[in-house]
Amino acid sequence: MWIVLFIVALLFVLGSALILLRSAKVPKISDKVKPQPYRNDDDSGW
């Protein structure tokens, strides 16, 4: 009986993980967005 409960719990965890991975989409960055130029932090005189 414990084996059946363990298998059901394992299937539930794997199924929910697959659903979460499938629903998580990488956001597409627009082509209008350009990287900001690097500002040197050493200009502060430290």
PDB file of N, CA and C in Angstrom:
ATOM      1  N   MET A   1       0.813  -1.204   0.000  1.00  0.00           N
ATOM      2  CA  MET A   1       0.000   0.000   0.000  1.00  0.00           C
ATOM      3  C   MET A   1       0.853   1.264   0.000  1.00  0.00           C
ATOM      4  N   TRP A   2       1.955   1.223   0.757  1.00  0.00           N
ATOM      5  CA  TRP A   2       2.829   2.401   0.805  1.00  0.00           C
ATOM      6  C   TRP A   2       3.495   2.660  -0.531  1.00  0.00           C
ATOM      7  N   ILE A   3       3.766   1.603  -1.268  1.00  0.00           N
ATOM      8  CA  ILE A   3       4.408   1.766  -2.576  1.00  0.00           C
ATOM      9  C   ILE A   3       3.465   2.488  -3.534  1.00  0.00           C
ATOM     10  N   VAL A   4       2.190   2.156  -3.478  1.00  0.00           N
ATOM     11  CA  VAL A   4       1.205   2.812  -4.348  1.00  0.00           C
ATOM     12  C   VAL A   4       1.112   4.296  -4.011  1.00  0.00           C
ATOM     13  N   LEU A   5       1.064   4.633  -2.720  1.00  0.00           N
ATOM     14  CA  LEU A   5       1.017   6.043  -2.321  1.00  0.00           C
ATOM     15  C   LEU A   5       2.284   6.787  -2.740  1.00  0.00           C
ATOM     16  N   PHE A   6       3.427   6.115  -2.624  1.00  0.00           N
ATOM     17  CA  PHE A   6       4.686   6.729  -3.032  1.00  0.00           C
ATOM     18  C   PHE A   6       4.710   6.990  -4.533  1.00  0.00           C
ATOM     19  N   ILE A   7       4.229   6.053  -5.319  1.00  0.00           N
ATOM     20  CA  ILE A   7       4.198   6.223  -6.777  1.00  0.00           C
ATOM     21  C   ILE A   7       3.242   7.343  -7.166  1.00  0.00           C
ATOM     22  N   VAL A   8       2.088   7.421  -6.521  1.00  0.00           N
ATOM     23  CA  VAL A   8       1.123   8.489  -6.812  1.00  0.00           C
ATOM     24  C   VAL A   8       1.720   9.847  -6.463  1.00  0.00           C
ATOM     25  N   ALA A   9       2.387   9.945  -5.308  1.00  0.00           N
ATOM     26  CA  ALA A   9       3.015  11.204  -4.912  1.00  0.00           C
ATOM     27  C   ALA A   9       4.129  11.581  -5.881  1.00  0.00           C
ATOM     28  N   LEU A  10       4.902  10.612  -6.322  1.00  0.00           N
ATOM     29  CA  LEU A  10       5.986  10.876  -7.265  1.00  0.00           C
ATOM     30  C   LEU A  10       5.443  11.354  -8.603  1.00  0.00           C
ATOM     31  N   LEU A  11       4.374  10.733  -9.084  1.00  0.00           N
ATOM     32  CA  LEU A  11       3.763  11.175 -10.333  1.00  0.00           C
ATOM     33  C   LEU A  11       3.188  12.580 -10.207  1.00  0.00           C
ATOM     34  N   PHE A  12       2.612  12.893  -9.056  1.00  0.00           N
ATOM     35  CA  PHE A  12       2.066  14.232  -8.832  1.00  0.00           C
ATOM     36  C   PHE A  12       3.171  15.282  -8.852  1.00  0.00           C
ATOM     37  N   VAL A  13       4.288  14.991  -8.200  1.00  0.00           N
ATOM     38  CA  VAL A  13       5.407  15.940  -8.160  1.00  0.00           C
ATOM     39  C   VAL A  13       6.002  16.118  -9.549  1.00  0.00           C
ATOM     40  N   LEU A  14       6.208  15.030 -10.268  1.00  0.00           N
ATOM     41  CA  LEU A  14       6.780  15.132 -11.612  1.00  0.00           C
ATOM     42  C   LEU A  14       5.834  15.851 -12.562  1.00  0.00           C
ATOM     43  N   GLY A  15       4.555  15.575 -12.463  1.00  0.00           N
ATOM     44  CA  GLY A  15       3.583  16.238 -13.329  1.00  0.00           C
ATOM     45  C   GLY A  15       3.499  17.722 -13.064  1.00  0.00           C
ATOM     46  N   SER A  16       3.495  18.108 -11.798  1.00  0.00           N
ATOM     47  CA  SER A  16       3.433  19.540 -11.498  1.00  0.00           C
ATOM     48  C   SER A  16       4.716  20.239 -11.914  1.00  0.00           C
ATOM     49  N   ALA A  17       5.853  19.572 -11.784  1.00  0.00           N
ATOM     50  CA  ALA A  17       7.111  20.178 -12.219  1.00  0.00           C
ATOM     51  C   ALA A  17       7.119  20.369 -13.734  1.00  0.00           C
ATOM     52  N   LEU A  18       6.618  19.398 -14.473  1.00  0.00           N
ATOM     53  CA  LEU A  18       6.574  19.533 -15.929  1.00  0.00           C
ATOM     54  C   LEU A  18       5.616  20.635 -16.355  1.00  0.00           C
ATOM     55  N   ILE A  19       4.493  20.767 -15.662  1.00  0.00           N
ATOM     56  CA  ILE A  19       3.541  21.837 -15.990  1.00  0.00           C
ATOM     57  C   ILE A  19       4.163  23.194 -15.716  1.00  0.00           C
ATOM     58  N   LEU A  20       4.877  23.319 -14.598  1.00  0.00           N
ATOM     59  CA  LEU A  20       5.523  24.594 -14.283  1.00  0.00           C
ATOM     60  C   LEU A  20       6.619  24.924 -15.287  1.00  0.00           C
ATOM     61  N   LEU A  21       7.390  23.923 -15.694  1.00  0.00           N
ATOM     62  CA  LEU A  21       8.451  24.178 -16.668  1.00  0.00           C
ATOM     63  C   LEU A  21       7.874  24.550 -18.027  1.00  0.00           C
ATOM     64  N   ARG A  22       6.735  23.964 -18.367  1.00  0.00           N
ATOM     65  CA  ARG A  22       6.125  24.253 -19.654  1.00  0.00           C
ATOM     66  C   ARG A  22       5.499  25.633 -19.680  1.00  0.00           C
ATOM     67  N   SER A  23       4.942  26.048 -18.542  1.00  0.00           N
ATOM     68  CA  SER A  23       4.273  27.343 -18.506  1.00  0.00           C
ATOM     69  C   SER A  23       5.256  28.494 -18.340  1.00  0.00           C
ATOM     70  N   ALA A  24       6.456  28.213 -17.865  1.00  0.00           N
ATOM     71  CA  ALA A  24       7.446  29.281 -17.700  1.00  0.00           C
ATOM     72  C   ALA A  24       8.068  29.576 -19.056  1.00  0.00           C
ATOM     73  N   LYS A  25       7.814  30.767 -19.560  1.00  0.00           N
ATOM     74  CA  LYS A  25       8.342  31.141 -20.866  1.00  0.00           C
ATOM     75  C   LYS A  25       9.394  32.223 -20.692  1.00  0.00           C
ATOM     76  N   VAL A  26      10.437  32.136 -21.490  1.00  0.00           N
ATOM     77  CA  VAL A  26      11.499  33.138 -21.440  1.00  0.00           C
ATOM     78  C   VAL A  26      10.973  34.412 -22.081  1.00  0.00           C
ATOM     79  N   PRO A  27      11.067  35.535 -21.374  1.00  0.00           N
ATOM     80  CA  PRO A  27      10.559  36.776 -21.966  1.00  0.00           C
ATOM     81  C   PRO A  27      11.393  37.213 -23.165  1.00  0.00           C
ATOM     82  N   LYS A  28      10.716  37.582 -24.228  1.00  0.00           N
ATOM     83  CA  LYS A  28      11.404  38.038 -25.440  1.00  0.00           C
ATOM     84  C   LYS A  28      11.691  39.522 -25.306  1.00  0.00           C
ATOM     85  N   ILE A  29      12.961  39.879 -25.421  1.00  0.00           N
ATOM     86  CA  ILE A  29      13.362  41.280 -25.328  1.00  0.00           C
ATOM     87  C   ILE A  29      13.169  41.916 -26.696  1.00  0.00           C
ATOM     88  N   SER A  30      12.553  43.072 -26.691  1.00  0.00           N
ATOM     89  CA  SER A  30      12.278  43.774 -27.939  1.00  0.00           C
ATOM     90  C   SER A  30      13.581  44.225 -28.591  1.00  0.00           C
ATOM     91  N   ASP A  31      13.561  44.365 -29.913  1.00  0.00           N
ATOM     92  CA  ASP A  31      14.746  44.825 -30.631  1.00  0.00           C
ATOM     93  C   ASP A  31      15.036  46.296 -30.360  1.00  0.00           C
ATOM     94  N   LYS A  32      14.066  47.025 -29.833  1.00  0.00           N
ATOM     95  CA  LYS A  32      14.275  48.441 -29.540  1.00  0.00           C
ATOM     96  C   LYS A  32      15.146  48.649 -28.309  1.00  0.00           C
ATOM     97  N   VAL A  33      15.226  47.630 -27.460  1.00  0.00           N
ATOM     98  CA  VAL A  33      16.005  47.755 -26.232  1.00  0.00           C
ATOM     99  C   VAL A  33      17.468  47.515 -26.558  1.00  0.00           C
ATOM    100  N   LYS A  34      18.307  48.482 -26.184  1.00  0.00           N
ATOM    101  CA  LYS A  34      19.746  48.363 -26.430  1.00  0.00           C
ATOM    102  C   LYS A  34      20.464  48.374 -25.086  1.00  0.00           C
ATOM    103  N   PRO A  35      21.605  47.707 -24.986  1.00  0.00           N
ATOM    104  CA  PRO A  35      22.329  47.695 -23.714  1.00  0.00           C
ATOM    105  C   PRO A  35      22.862  49.081 -23.374  1.00  0.00           C
ATOM    106  N   GLN A  36      22.847  49.399 -22.095  1.00  0.00           N
ATOM    107  CA  GLN A  36      23.360  50.693 -21.653  1.00  0.00           C
ATOM    108  C   GLN A  36      24.886  50.672 -21.690  1.00  0.00           C
ATOM    109  N   PRO A  37      25.499  51.797 -22.024  1.00  0.00           N
ATOM    110  CA  PRO A  37      26.972  51.836 -22.006  1.00  0.00           C
ATOM    111  C   PRO A  37      27.494  51.721 -20.579  1.00  0.00           C
ATOM    112  N   TYR A  38      28.627  51.095 -20.453  1.00  0.00           N
ATOM    113  CA  TYR A  38      29.220  50.875 -19.136  1.00  0.00           C
ATOM    114  C   TYR A  38      29.794  52.177 -18.604  1.00  0.00           C
ATOM    115  N   ARG A  39      29.399  52.526 -17.374  1.00  0.00           N
ATOM    116  CA  ARG A  39      29.930  53.728 -16.732  1.00  0.00           C
ATOM    117  C   ARG A  39      30.993  53.284 -15.735  1.00  0.00           C
ATOM    118  N   ASN A  40      32.182  53.846 -15.881  1.00  0.00           N
ATOM    119  CA  ASN A  40      33.284  53.437 -15.025  1.00  0.00           C
ATOM    120  C   ASN A  40      33.026  53.926 -13.603  1.00  0.00           C
ATOM    121  N   ASP A  41      33.053  53.022 -12.649  1.00  0.00           N
ATOM    122  CA  ASP A  41      32.790  53.385 -11.257  1.00  0.00           C
ATOM    123  C   ASP A  41      34.011  53.976 -10.569  1.00  0.00           C
ATOM    124  N   ASP A  42      35.172  53.937 -11.224  1.00  0.00           N
ATOM    125  CA  ASP A  42      36.386  54.461 -10.597  1.00  0.00           C
ATOM    126  C   ASP A  42      36.459  55.981 -10.664  1.00  0.00           C
ATOM    127  N   ASP A  43      35.508  56.624 -11.316  1.00  0.00           N
ATOM    128  CA  ASP A  43      35.529  58.079 -11.433  1.00  0.00           C
ATOM    129  C   ASP A  43      35.196  58.768 -10.120  1.00  0.00           C
ATOM    130  N   SER A  44      34.709  58.037  -9.140  1.00  0.00           N
ATOM    131  CA  SER A  44      34.299  58.667  -7.890  1.00  0.00           C
ATOM    132  C   SER A  44      35.492  59.042  -7.022  1.00  0.00           C
ATOM    133  N   GLY A  45      36.690  58.600  -7.338  1.00  0.00           N
ATOM    134  CA  GLY A  45      37.888  58.992  -6.605  1.00  0.00           C
ATOM    135  C   GLY A  45      38.216  58.120  -5.410  1.00  0.00           C
ATOM    136  N   TRP A  46      37.665  56.939  -5.345  1.00  0.00           N
ATOM    137  CA  TRP A  46      37.990  56.071  -4.223  1.00  0.00           C
ATOM    138  C   TRP A  46      39.361  55.491  -4.406  1.00  0.00           C
TER     139      TRP A  46
END
